[in-house]
């Protein structure tokens, strides 16, 4: 089940924990914020771990029904 991944750029401080866990999904852009580069770049468990790694809860995941899955 691929997640729809939303990064709240107003919360993101570019810490990069998400990139460390899922570098094929996230990167830090020129503004120092996390962006999704490939929402299918890792399995769902890894994407969830990346979202959980964000200390600011700047990453929200939605399931295939549009329901919020995390946080």
N, C-alpha and C. Protein backbone atom coordinates (compact mmCIF):
# COMPACT_ATOMS: atom_id res chain seq x y z
N UNK A 1 0.85 -1.18 0.00
CA UNK A 1 0.00 0.00 0.00
C UNK A 1 0.89 1.24 0.00
N UNK A 2 1.02 1.90 -1.10
CA UNK A 2 1.86 3.11 -1.11
C UNK A 2 1.19 4.26 -0.36
N UNK A 3 1.98 4.91 0.46
CA UNK A 3 1.49 6.07 1.19
C UNK A 3 1.53 7.31 0.31
N UNK A 4 0.60 8.23 0.58
CA UNK A 4 0.74 9.58 0.07
C UNK A 4 1.50 10.31 1.16
N UNK A 5 2.62 10.91 0.79
CA UNK A 5 3.53 11.52 1.76
C UNK A 5 3.44 13.04 1.64
N UNK A 6 3.21 13.70 2.77
CA UNK A 6 3.13 15.16 2.78
C UNK A 6 4.14 15.69 3.79
N UNK A 7 5.02 16.56 3.33
CA UNK A 7 5.98 17.22 4.21
C UNK A 7 5.47 18.62 4.50
N UNK A 8 5.27 18.94 5.77
CA UNK A 8 4.86 20.27 6.20
C UNK A 8 6.12 21.13 6.26
N UNK A 9 6.32 21.93 5.23
CA UNK A 9 7.54 22.71 5.12
C UNK A 9 7.63 23.80 6.19
N UNK A 10 6.51 24.17 6.78
CA UNK A 10 6.57 25.16 7.86
C UNK A 10 7.12 24.54 9.15
N UNK A 11 7.00 23.22 9.29
CA UNK A 11 7.56 22.53 10.46
C UNK A 11 8.97 22.02 10.22
N UNK A 12 9.28 21.67 8.97
CA UNK A 12 10.56 21.05 8.65
C UNK A 12 11.71 22.03 8.90
N UNK A 13 12.75 21.52 9.58
CA UNK A 13 13.94 22.34 9.81
C UNK A 13 15.17 21.74 9.13
N UNK A 14 14.93 20.78 8.24
CA UNK A 14 16.03 20.22 7.46
C UNK A 14 17.00 19.37 8.26
N UNK A 15 16.52 18.77 9.33
CA UNK A 15 17.38 17.93 10.17
C UNK A 15 17.90 16.74 9.38
N UNK A 16 17.07 16.20 8.50
CA UNK A 16 17.52 15.15 7.59
C UNK A 16 17.36 13.73 8.09
N UNK A 17 16.68 13.54 9.21
CA UNK A 17 16.48 12.18 9.71
C UNK A 17 15.73 11.33 8.69
N UNK A 18 14.78 11.92 8.00
CA UNK A 18 14.02 11.18 6.99
C UNK A 18 14.93 10.73 5.84
N UNK A 19 15.85 11.59 5.45
CA UNK A 19 16.80 11.27 4.39
C UNK A 19 17.72 10.13 4.83
N UNK A 20 18.12 10.16 6.08
CA UNK A 20 18.98 9.11 6.61
C UNK A 20 18.32 7.75 6.56
N UNK A 21 17.02 7.70 6.80
CA UNK A 21 16.29 6.43 6.80
C UNK A 21 15.88 6.02 5.39
N UNK A 22 15.44 6.99 4.59
CA UNK A 22 14.91 6.68 3.25
C UNK A 22 15.48 7.65 2.20
N UNK A 23 16.76 7.51 1.88
CA UNK A 23 17.40 8.46 0.96
C UNK A 23 16.86 8.40 -0.48
N UNK A 24 16.19 7.33 -0.85
CA UNK A 24 15.61 7.25 -2.18
C UNK A 24 14.21 7.85 -2.24
N UNK A 25 13.70 8.28 -1.07
CA UNK A 25 12.36 8.89 -0.99
C UNK A 25 12.46 10.39 -0.73
N UNK A 26 13.36 10.78 0.17
CA UNK A 26 13.47 12.17 0.60
C UNK A 26 14.85 12.74 0.28
N UNK A 27 14.90 14.07 0.09
CA UNK A 27 16.16 14.78 0.03
C UNK A 27 15.94 16.16 0.61
N UNK A 28 17.03 16.81 0.96
CA UNK A 28 16.97 18.19 1.43
C UNK A 28 17.20 19.09 0.23
N UNK A 29 16.26 20.02 0.01
CA UNK A 29 16.33 20.89 -1.16
C UNK A 29 17.20 22.12 -0.91
N UNK A 30 17.23 23.00 -1.88
CA UNK A 30 18.09 24.20 -1.79
C UNK A 30 17.65 25.16 -0.69
N UNK A 31 16.42 25.02 -0.20
CA UNK A 31 15.93 25.86 0.89
C UNK A 31 16.19 25.21 2.26
N UNK A 32 16.85 24.04 2.25
CA UNK A 32 17.15 23.35 3.50
C UNK A 32 15.96 22.61 4.09
N UNK A 33 15.00 22.29 3.25
CA UNK A 33 13.79 21.59 3.69
C UNK A 33 13.71 20.23 3.01
N UNK A 34 13.05 19.29 3.67
CA UNK A 34 12.86 17.96 3.10
C UNK A 34 11.79 18.01 2.01
N UNK A 35 12.06 17.27 0.94
CA UNK A 35 11.08 17.10 -0.14
C UNK A 35 11.04 15.63 -0.53
N UNK A 36 9.89 15.23 -1.04
CA UNK A 36 9.73 13.86 -1.53
C UNK A 36 10.21 13.83 -2.97
N UNK A 37 11.19 12.98 -3.23
CA UNK A 37 11.71 12.86 -4.60
C UNK A 37 11.18 11.62 -5.30
N UNK A 38 10.77 10.62 -4.50
CA UNK A 38 10.22 9.39 -5.09
C UNK A 38 9.38 8.69 -4.03
N UNK A 39 8.05 8.87 -4.06
CA UNK A 39 7.21 8.27 -3.02
C UNK A 39 7.22 6.74 -3.03
N UNK A 40 7.74 6.15 -4.07
CA UNK A 40 7.82 4.68 -4.16
C UNK A 40 9.27 4.20 -4.06
N UNK A 41 10.15 5.06 -3.50
CA UNK A 41 11.57 4.74 -3.42
C UNK A 41 11.95 3.81 -2.29
N UNK A 42 10.98 3.42 -1.47
CA UNK A 42 11.23 2.48 -0.37
C UNK A 42 9.92 1.79 -0.04
N UNK A 43 10.02 0.71 0.72
CA UNK A 43 8.79 0.01 1.11
C UNK A 43 8.07 0.81 2.20
N UNK A 44 6.82 0.45 2.43
CA UNK A 44 5.99 1.19 3.38
C UNK A 44 6.59 1.24 4.78
N UNK A 45 7.18 0.14 5.23
CA UNK A 45 7.77 0.12 6.58
C UNK A 45 8.90 1.13 6.70
N UNK A 46 9.72 1.23 5.66
CA UNK A 46 10.83 2.18 5.68
C UNK A 46 10.33 3.61 5.65
N UNK A 47 9.29 3.86 4.85
CA UNK A 47 8.72 5.21 4.78
C UNK A 47 8.12 5.59 6.14
N UNK A 48 7.46 4.66 6.78
CA UNK A 48 6.91 4.92 8.11
C UNK A 48 8.05 5.20 9.09
N UNK A 49 9.12 4.44 9.04
CA UNK A 49 10.27 4.68 9.92
C UNK A 49 10.86 6.07 9.67
N UNK A 50 10.91 6.48 8.41
CA UNK A 50 11.43 7.82 8.09
C UNK A 50 10.55 8.91 8.67
N UNK A 51 9.24 8.73 8.57
CA UNK A 51 8.31 9.71 9.14
C UNK A 51 8.45 9.75 10.66
N UNK A 52 8.58 8.58 11.27
CA UNK A 52 8.73 8.51 12.72
C UNK A 52 10.06 9.11 13.18
N UNK A 53 11.06 9.09 12.32
CA UNK A 53 12.37 9.63 12.68
C UNK A 53 12.38 11.15 12.77
N UNK A 54 11.41 11.80 12.15
CA UNK A 54 11.36 13.26 12.17
C UNK A 54 10.97 13.73 13.57
N UNK A 55 11.86 14.46 14.25
CA UNK A 55 11.56 14.90 15.61
C UNK A 55 10.50 15.99 15.67
N UNK A 56 10.18 16.57 14.53
CA UNK A 56 9.21 17.67 14.49
C UNK A 56 7.84 17.25 13.96
N UNK A 57 7.70 15.94 13.66
CA UNK A 57 6.46 15.41 13.07
C UNK A 57 6.03 16.24 11.86
N UNK A 58 6.98 16.54 11.00
CA UNK A 58 6.70 17.33 9.80
C UNK A 58 6.21 16.47 8.63
N UNK A 59 6.23 15.15 8.80
CA UNK A 59 5.83 14.24 7.72
C UNK A 59 4.53 13.56 8.10
N UNK A 60 3.52 13.70 7.24
CA UNK A 60 2.25 13.04 7.43
C UNK A 60 2.08 12.00 6.33
N UNK A 61 1.61 10.83 6.72
CA UNK A 61 1.36 9.75 5.76
C UNK A 61 -0.13 9.47 5.70
N UNK A 62 -0.63 9.25 4.48
CA UNK A 62 -2.03 8.92 4.24
C UNK A 62 -2.09 7.59 3.52
N UNK A 63 -3.07 6.77 3.90
CA UNK A 63 -3.21 5.46 3.25
C UNK A 63 -3.97 5.59 1.94
N UNK A 64 -4.23 4.47 1.29
CA UNK A 64 -4.87 4.50 -0.03
C UNK A 64 -6.30 5.00 0.01
N UNK A 65 -6.92 5.05 1.21
CA UNK A 65 -8.27 5.58 1.35
C UNK A 65 -8.28 7.06 1.72
N UNK A 66 -7.08 7.65 1.79
CA UNK A 66 -6.98 9.06 2.16
C UNK A 66 -7.02 9.29 3.65
N UNK A 67 -7.02 8.20 4.43
CA UNK A 67 -7.03 8.32 5.89
C UNK A 67 -5.61 8.59 6.39
N UNK A 68 -5.50 9.45 7.37
CA UNK A 68 -4.19 9.74 7.95
C UNK A 68 -3.68 8.49 8.67
N UNK A 69 -2.50 8.03 8.27
CA UNK A 69 -1.91 6.84 8.86
C UNK A 69 -0.83 7.18 9.88
N UNK A 70 -0.21 8.34 9.74
CA UNK A 70 0.81 8.82 10.67
C UNK A 70 0.91 10.32 10.56
N UNK A 71 1.13 11.07 11.60
CA UNK A 71 1.12 10.67 13.01
C UNK A 71 -0.30 10.52 13.51
